[in-house]
């Protein structure tokens, strides 16, 4: 899965209490809703394309870091949660005929079965300019350079993954990558109860 210049690469943050790479592996595909930052919105609405690869990042976790890989399977479309009165992400300024917020669909590619911690990313040569390693970096959707994506993949295959809670041995062989599901269908509430119960991912 070598990085190429033909596609773009991203990092997308999600709190484990809302959704995890394990959930995505189970579901196959899901919508990525709840983003309420204009810069992140613009990335999703204007720049993400089907086939782009995503570093799935667990935020506010112990430890926070990259836990797997996803793929964009549906390009930006209006975030329906923004127009649902009573929903935690309802925005009265966003209307179906003039949406303010957008989401994408992502598909499962690979589960590291653990985490490449943020501290490891910060200490790795070649990732000095990676957005997530910068002090005060809070954006939930971030572009990643092809060379940075490649370095993170090498970390995942070189023993840098901290095992998930309950595991007793270092993780050296992530789940073999699979093709992401077909574009166009968001995960339903019945197939992703935890995500839908919490509403969406933490907006930044």
C-alpha atoms as a PDB file:
ATOM      1  CA  UNK A   1       0.000   0.000   0.000  1.00  0.00           C
ATOM      2  CA  UNK A   2       2.715   2.441  -0.955  1.00  0.00           C
ATOM      3  CA  UNK A   3       1.721   6.088  -0.992  1.00  0.00           C
ATOM      4  CA  UNK A   4       1.407   7.638  -4.436  1.00  0.00           C
ATOM      5  CA  UNK A   5       0.802  11.134  -5.746  1.00  0.00           C
ATOM      6  CA  UNK A   6      -2.313   9.952  -7.614  1.00  0.00           C
ATOM      7  CA  UNK A   7      -4.454  10.125  -4.487  1.00  0.00           C
ATOM      8  CA  UNK A   8      -4.554  12.321  -1.416  1.00  0.00           C
ATOM      9  CA  UNK A   9      -4.033  11.306   2.173  1.00  0.00           C
ATOM     10  CA  UNK A  10      -5.757  12.448   5.326  1.00  0.00           C
ATOM     11  CA  UNK A  11      -5.879  12.030   9.074  1.00  0.00           C
ATOM     12  CA  UNK A  12      -9.308  11.973  10.711  1.00  0.00           C
ATOM     13  CA  UNK A  13      -9.792  12.109  14.471  1.00  0.00           C
ATOM     14  CA  UNK A  14     -12.479  10.285  16.404  1.00  0.00           C
ATOM     15  CA  UNK A  15     -12.959   9.691  20.125  1.00  0.00           C
ATOM     16  CA  UNK A  16     -13.120   5.981  21.060  1.00  0.00           C
ATOM     17  CA  UNK A  17     -16.348   6.603  22.986  1.00  0.00           C
ATOM     18  CA  UNK A  18     -17.980   7.582  19.684  1.00  0.00           C
ATOM     19  CA  UNK A  19     -16.451   5.200  17.132  1.00  0.00           C
ATOM     20  CA  UNK A  20     -13.313   3.107  16.681  1.00  0.00           C
ATOM     21  CA  UNK A  21     -11.411   1.326  13.952  1.00  0.00           C
ATOM     22  CA  UNK A  22     -12.851  -1.908  15.387  1.00  0.00           C
ATOM     23  CA  UNK A  23     -16.342  -0.534  14.781  1.00  0.00           C
ATOM     24  CA  UNK A  24     -15.415   0.383  11.223  1.00  0.00           C
ATOM     25  CA  UNK A  25     -13.970  -3.075  10.618  1.00  0.00           C
ATOM     26  CA  UNK A  26     -17.271  -4.550  11.793  1.00  0.00           C
ATOM     27  CA  UNK A  27     -19.476  -2.142   9.814  1.00  0.00           C
ATOM     28  CA  UNK A  28     -17.445  -1.996   6.610  1.00  0.00           C
ATOM     29  CA  UNK A  29     -18.492   1.591   5.855  1.00  0.00           C
ATOM     30  CA  UNK A  30     -19.863   4.509   7.854  1.00  0.00           C
ATOM     31  CA  UNK A  31     -20.710   8.178   7.497  1.00  0.00           C
ATOM     32  CA  UNK A  32     -18.297  10.659   9.074  1.00  0.00           C
ATOM     33  CA  UNK A  33     -20.612  13.323  10.408  1.00  0.00           C
ATOM     34  CA  UNK A  34     -20.557  15.972  13.110  1.00  0.00           C
ATOM     35  CA  UNK A  35     -17.605  18.035  11.891  1.00  0.00           C
ATOM     36  CA  UNK A  36     -18.266  21.642  12.896  1.00  0.00           C
ATOM     37  CA  UNK A  37     -15.082  23.428  11.919  1.00  0.00           C
ATOM     38  CA  UNK A  38     -15.054  25.369   8.650  1.00  0.00           C
ATOM     39  CA  UNK A  39     -11.547  24.386   7.576  1.00  0.00           C
ATOM     40  CA  UNK A  40     -12.224  20.707   8.247  1.00  0.00           C
ATOM     41  CA  UNK A  41     -15.590  21.072   6.484  1.00  0.00           C
ATOM     42  CA  UNK A  42     -13.878  22.526   3.442  1.00  0.00           C
ATOM     43  CA  UNK A  43     -11.472  19.595   3.254  1.00  0.00           C
ATOM     44  CA  UNK A  44     -14.399  17.159   3.326  1.00  0.00           C
ATOM     45  CA  UNK A  45     -16.641  19.117   0.976  1.00  0.00           C
ATOM     46  CA  UNK A  46     -14.120  20.331  -1.591  1.00  0.00           C
ATOM     47  CA  UNK A  47     -10.999  18.163  -1.544  1.00  0.00           C
ATOM     48  CA  UNK A  48     -11.662  14.592  -0.429  1.00  0.00           C
ATOM     49  CA  UNK A  49     -12.136  12.192  -3.331  1.00  0.00           C
ATOM     50  CA  UNK A  50     -13.197   8.566  -3.575  1.00  0.00           C
ATOM     51  CA  UNK A  51     -10.089   6.419  -3.146  1.00  0.00           C
ATOM     52  CA  UNK A  52      -8.220   8.822  -0.871  1.00  0.00           C
ATOM     53  CA  UNK A  53      -6.706   7.035   2.124  1.00  0.00           C
ATOM     54  CA  UNK A  54      -7.207   8.055   5.742  1.00  0.00           C
ATOM     55  CA  UNK A  55      -5.181   7.539   8.901  1.00  0.00           C
ATOM     56  CA  UNK A  56      -7.819   6.709  11.520  1.00  0.00           C
ATOM     57  CA  UNK A  57      -6.778   8.605  14.660  1.00  0.00           C
ATOM     58  CA  UNK A  58      -8.140   7.923  18.156  1.00  0.00           C
ATOM     59  CA  UNK A  59      -8.280  11.244  20.018  1.00  0.00           C
ATOM     60  CA  UNK A  60      -8.658  11.749  23.775  1.00  0.00           C
ATOM     61  CA  UNK A  61      -7.523   8.152  24.162  1.00  0.00           C
ATOM     62  CA  UNK A  62      -4.862   6.444  26.284  1.00  0.00           C
ATOM     63  CA  UNK A  63      -2.771   6.734  24.250  1.00  0.00           C
ATOM     64  CA  UNK A  64      -4.045   8.932  21.448  1.00  0.00           C
ATOM     65  CA  UNK A  65      -2.723   7.985  18.047  1.00  0.00           C
ATOM     66  CA  UNK A  66      -3.233   6.222  14.732  1.00  0.00           C
ATOM     67  CA  UNK A  67      -5.150   2.953  14.975  1.00  0.00           C
ATOM     68  CA  UNK A  68      -5.724   1.955  11.369  1.00  0.00           C
ATOM     69  CA  UNK A  69      -6.497   2.968   7.813  1.00  0.00           C
ATOM     70  CA  UNK A  70      -9.746   3.883   6.084  1.00  0.00           C
ATOM     71  CA  UNK A  71     -10.660   4.932   2.567  1.00  0.00           C
ATOM     72  CA  UNK A  72     -12.997   7.630   1.272  1.00  0.00           C
ATOM     73  CA  UNK A  73     -15.872   5.803  -0.423  1.00  0.00           C
ATOM     74  CA  UNK A  74     -18.328   8.668  -0.865  1.00  0.00           C
ATOM     75  CA  UNK A  75     -17.401  12.299  -1.433  1.00  0.00           C
ATOM     76  CA  UNK A  76     -18.793  15.210   0.548  1.00  0.00           C
ATOM     77  CA  UNK A  77     -22.566  15.554   0.899  1.00  0.00           C
ATOM     78  CA  UNK A  78     -24.770  17.548   3.319  1.00  0.00           C
ATOM     79  CA  UNK A  79     -24.618  16.500   6.977  1.00  0.00           C
ATOM     80  CA  UNK A  80     -28.233  15.615   7.729  1.00  0.00           C
ATOM     81  CA  UNK A  81     -27.668  15.818  11.489  1.00  0.00           C
ATOM     82  CA  UNK A  82     -27.249  19.576  11.184  1.00  0.00           C
ATOM     83  CA  UNK A  83     -30.913  19.959  10.227  1.00  0.00           C
ATOM     84  CA  UNK A  84     -32.377  17.588  12.834  1.00  0.00           C
ATOM     85  CA  UNK A  85     -33.899  19.689  15.623  1.00  0.00           C
ATOM     86  CA  UNK A  86     -32.946  18.367  19.035  1.00  0.00           C
ATOM     87  CA  UNK A  87     -29.826  16.610  17.795  1.00  0.00           C
ATOM     88  CA  UNK A  88     -26.591  17.598  19.499  1.00  0.00           C
ATOM     89  CA  UNK A  89     -25.222  18.768  16.150  1.00  0.00           C
ATOM     90  CA  UNK A  90     -28.302  20.668  15.048  1.00  0.00           C
ATOM     91  CA  UNK A  91     -27.452  24.035  13.492  1.00  0.00           C
ATOM     92  CA  UNK A  92     -30.406  26.365  12.844  1.00  0.00           C
ATOM     93  CA  UNK A  93     -28.380  28.171  10.180  1.00  0.00           C
ATOM     94  CA  UNK A  94     -27.971  24.988   8.134  1.00  0.00           C
ATOM     95  CA  UNK A  95     -30.934  24.190   5.885  1.00  0.00           C
ATOM     96  CA  UNK A  96     -31.556  21.282   3.509  1.00  0.00           C
ATOM     97  CA  UNK A  97     -31.646  23.708   0.585  1.00  0.00           C
ATOM     98  CA  UNK A  98     -28.565  25.604   1.804  1.00  0.00           C
ATOM     99  CA  UNK A  99     -26.431  23.226   3.906  1.00  0.00           C
ATOM    100  CA  UNK A 100     -23.606  24.588   6.019  1.00  0.00           C
ATOM    101  CA  UNK A 101     -22.009  21.305   7.030  1.00  0.00           C
ATOM    102  CA  UNK A 102     -20.910  18.271   5.054  1.00  0.00           C
ATOM    103  CA  UNK A 103     -19.843  14.703   5.698  1.00  0.00           C
ATOM    104  CA  UNK A 104     -18.192  11.880   3.779  1.00  0.00           C
ATOM    105  CA  UNK A 105     -18.442   8.105   3.915  1.00  0.00           C
ATOM    106  CA  UNK A 106     -15.395   6.043   4.790  1.00  0.00           C
ATOM    107  CA  UNK A 107     -14.681   2.347   4.322  1.00  0.00           C
ATOM    108  CA  UNK A 108     -12.492  -0.026   6.298  1.00  0.00           C
ATOM    109  CA  UNK A 109      -9.028  -0.852   4.982  1.00  0.00           C
ATOM    110  CA  UNK A 110      -6.787  -1.952   7.853  1.00  0.00           C
ATOM    111  CA  UNK A 111      -6.850  -2.384  11.632  1.00  0.00           C
ATOM    112  CA  UNK A 112      -3.548  -2.030  13.482  1.00  0.00           C
ATOM    113  CA  UNK A 113      -5.070  -3.736  16.573  1.00  0.00           C
ATOM    114  CA  UNK A 114      -3.370  -1.132  18.695  1.00  0.00           C
ATOM    115  CA  UNK A 115      -2.134   2.421  18.471  1.00  0.00           C
ATOM    116  CA  UNK A 116       0.854   4.247  17.056  1.00  0.00           C
ATOM    117  CA  UNK A 117       1.003   6.856  19.839  1.00  0.00           C
ATOM    118  CA  UNK A 118       1.179  10.565  19.128  1.00  0.00           C
ATOM    119  CA  UNK A 119       4.459  10.702  21.043  1.00  0.00           C
ATOM    120  CA  UNK A 120       5.942   8.147  18.639  1.00  0.00           C
ATOM    121  CA  UNK A 121       4.822  10.245  15.686  1.00  0.00           C
ATOM    122  CA  UNK A 122       6.430  13.325  17.230  1.00  0.00           C
ATOM    123  CA  UNK A 123       9.734  11.499  17.713  1.00  0.00           C
ATOM    124  CA  UNK A 124       9.870   9.942  14.235  1.00  0.00           C
ATOM    125  CA  UNK A 125      12.180  11.439  11.636  1.00  0.00           C
ATOM    126  CA  UNK A 126      10.264  12.704   8.639  1.00  0.00           C
ATOM    127  CA  UNK A 127       7.120  13.570  10.591  1.00  0.00           C
ATOM    128  CA  UNK A 128       8.378  16.854  12.004  1.00  0.00           C
ATOM    129  CA  UNK A 129       5.995  18.844   9.786  1.00  0.00           C
ATOM    130  CA  UNK A 130       3.029  16.490  10.044  1.00  0.00           C
ATOM    131  CA  UNK A 131       0.082  18.586  11.172  1.00  0.00           C
ATOM    132  CA  UNK A 132      -0.970  16.309  14.026  1.00  0.00           C
ATOM    133  CA  UNK A 133       2.491  16.554  15.612  1.00  0.00           C
ATOM    134  CA  UNK A 134       2.364  20.332  15.844  1.00  0.00           C
ATOM    135  CA  UNK A 135       1.699  21.977  19.201  1.00  0.00           C
ATOM    136  CA  UNK A 136      -1.919  23.039  19.549  1.00  0.00           C
ATOM    137  CA  UNK A 137      -3.060  21.029  16.525  1.00  0.00           C
ATOM    138  CA  UNK A 138      -6.755  20.365  17.147  1.00  0.00           C
ATOM    139  CA  UNK A 139      -8.215  20.140  13.657  1.00  0.00           C
ATOM    140  CA  UNK A 140     -10.210  16.912  13.368  1.00  0.00           C
ATOM    141  CA  UNK A 141      -9.622  16.493   9.620  1.00  0.00           C
ATOM    142  CA  UNK A 142      -6.086  17.096   8.383  1.00  0.00           C
ATOM    143  CA  UNK A 143      -4.188  16.614   5.126  1.00  0.00           C
ATOM    144  CA  UNK A 144      -1.217  14.251   5.235  1.00  0.00           C
ATOM    145  CA  UNK A 145       1.724  14.315   2.827  1.00  0.00           C
ATOM    146  CA  UNK A 146       2.325  11.089   0.852  1.00  0.00           C
ATOM    147  CA  UNK A 147       5.738  10.640   2.450  1.00  0.00           C
ATOM    148  CA  UNK A 148       4.232  11.047   5.928  1.00  0.00           C
ATOM    149  CA  UNK A 149       1.597   8.429   5.179  1.00  0.00           C
ATOM    150  CA  UNK A 150       4.324   6.036   4.036  1.00  0.00           C
ATOM    151  CA  UNK A 151       6.336   6.603   7.217  1.00  0.00           C
ATOM    152  CA  UNK A 152       3.293   5.866   9.387  1.00  0.00           C
ATOM    153  CA  UNK A 153       2.726   2.617   7.468  1.00  0.00           C
ATOM    154  CA  UNK A 154       6.335   1.626   8.112  1.00  0.00           C
ATOM    155  CA  UNK A 155       5.848   2.344  11.817  1.00  0.00           C
ATOM    156  CA  UNK A 156       2.801   0.067  11.838  1.00  0.00           C
ATOM    157  CA  UNK A 157       4.868  -2.767  10.390  1.00  0.00           C
ATOM    158  CA  UNK A 158       7.966  -2.271  12.505  1.00  0.00           C
ATOM    159  CA  UNK A 159       6.650  -2.899  16.006  1.00  0.00           C
ATOM    160  CA  UNK A 160       5.679   0.690  16.858  1.00  0.00           C
ATOM    161  CA  UNK A 161       2.056  -0.241  17.567  1.00  0.00           C
ATOM    162  CA  UNK A 162       1.104  -0.252  21.251  1.00  0.00           C
ATOM    163  CA  UNK A 163      -1.230  -3.227  21.825  1.00  0.00           C
ATOM    164  CA  UNK A 164      -4.897  -2.559  22.426  1.00  0.00           C
ATOM    165  CA  UNK A 165      -6.112  -2.856  26.013  1.00  0.00           C
ATOM    166  CA  UNK A 166      -6.261  -6.493  27.053  1.00  0.00           C
ATOM    167  CA  UNK A 167      -3.553  -7.656  24.655  1.00  0.00           C
ATOM    168  CA  UNK A 168      -0.371  -8.970  26.201  1.00  0.00           C
ATOM    169  CA  UNK A 169       2.111  -9.013  23.327  1.00  0.00           C
ATOM    170  CA  UNK A 170       3.426  -6.309  20.986  1.00  0.00           C
ATOM    171  CA  UNK A 171       1.490  -6.023  17.769  1.00  0.00           C
ATOM    172  CA  UNK A 172       3.728  -6.667  14.765  1.00  0.00           C
ATOM    173  CA  UNK A 173       1.315  -7.757  12.049  1.00  0.00           C
ATOM    174  CA  UNK A 174      -1.784  -5.595  11.535  1.00  0.00           C
ATOM    175  CA  UNK A 175      -4.881  -7.060   9.942  1.00  0.00           C
ATOM    176  CA  UNK A 176      -4.245  -7.643   6.270  1.00  0.00           C
ATOM    177  CA  UNK A 177      -5.621  -4.699   4.256  1.00  0.00           C
ATOM    178  CA  UNK A 178      -8.941  -5.256   2.528  1.00  0.00           C
ATOM    179  CA  UNK A 179     -10.809  -3.396  -0.156  1.00  0.00           C
ATOM    180  CA  UNK A 180     -13.190  -0.803   1.229  1.00  0.00           C
ATOM    181  CA  UNK A 181     -16.893  -1.288   0.580  1.00  0.00           C
ATOM    182  CA  UNK A 182     -18.749   0.327  -2.292  1.00  0.00           C
ATOM    183  CA  UNK A 183     -19.485   4.018  -2.082  1.00  0.00           C
ATOM    184  CA  UNK A 184     -22.796   5.611  -1.415  1.00  0.00           C
ATOM    185  CA  UNK A 185     -24.286   4.069   1.719  1.00  0.00           C
ATOM    186  CA  UNK A 186     -23.802   5.359   5.239  1.00  0.00           C
ATOM    187  CA  UNK A 187     -23.891   2.935   8.152  1.00  0.00           C
ATOM    188  CA  UNK A 188     -27.368   2.546   9.626  1.00  0.00           C
ATOM    189  CA  UNK A 189     -28.151   2.942  13.303  1.00  0.00           C
ATOM    190  CA  UNK A 190     -28.822  -0.767  13.685  1.00  0.00           C
ATOM    191  CA  UNK A 191     -25.357  -1.719  12.449  1.00  0.00           C
ATOM    192  CA  UNK A 192     -23.516   0.900  14.485  1.00  0.00           C
ATOM    193  CA  UNK A 193     -25.370   1.363  17.745  1.00  0.00           C
ATOM    194  CA  UNK A 194     -22.530   2.959  19.656  1.00  0.00           C
ATOM    195  CA  UNK A 195     -21.892   5.697  17.098  1.00  0.00           C
ATOM    196  CA  UNK A 196     -25.528   6.584  16.606  1.00  0.00           C
ATOM    197  CA  UNK A 197     -26.218   6.530  20.342  1.00  0.00           C
ATOM    198  CA  UNK A 198     -23.563   9.167  20.937  1.00  0.00           C
ATOM    199  CA  UNK A 199     -24.642  11.213  17.941  1.00  0.00           C
ATOM    200  CA  UNK A 200     -21.425  11.702  15.999  1.00  0.00           C
ATOM    201  CA  UNK A 201     -17.767  12.414  16.319  1.00  0.00           C
ATOM    202  CA  UNK A 202     -16.427  15.241  18.381  1.00  0.00           C
ATOM    203  CA  UNK A 203     -16.449  18.424  16.276  1.00  0.00           C
ATOM    204  CA  UNK A 204     -13.388  20.648  16.195  1.00  0.00           C
END
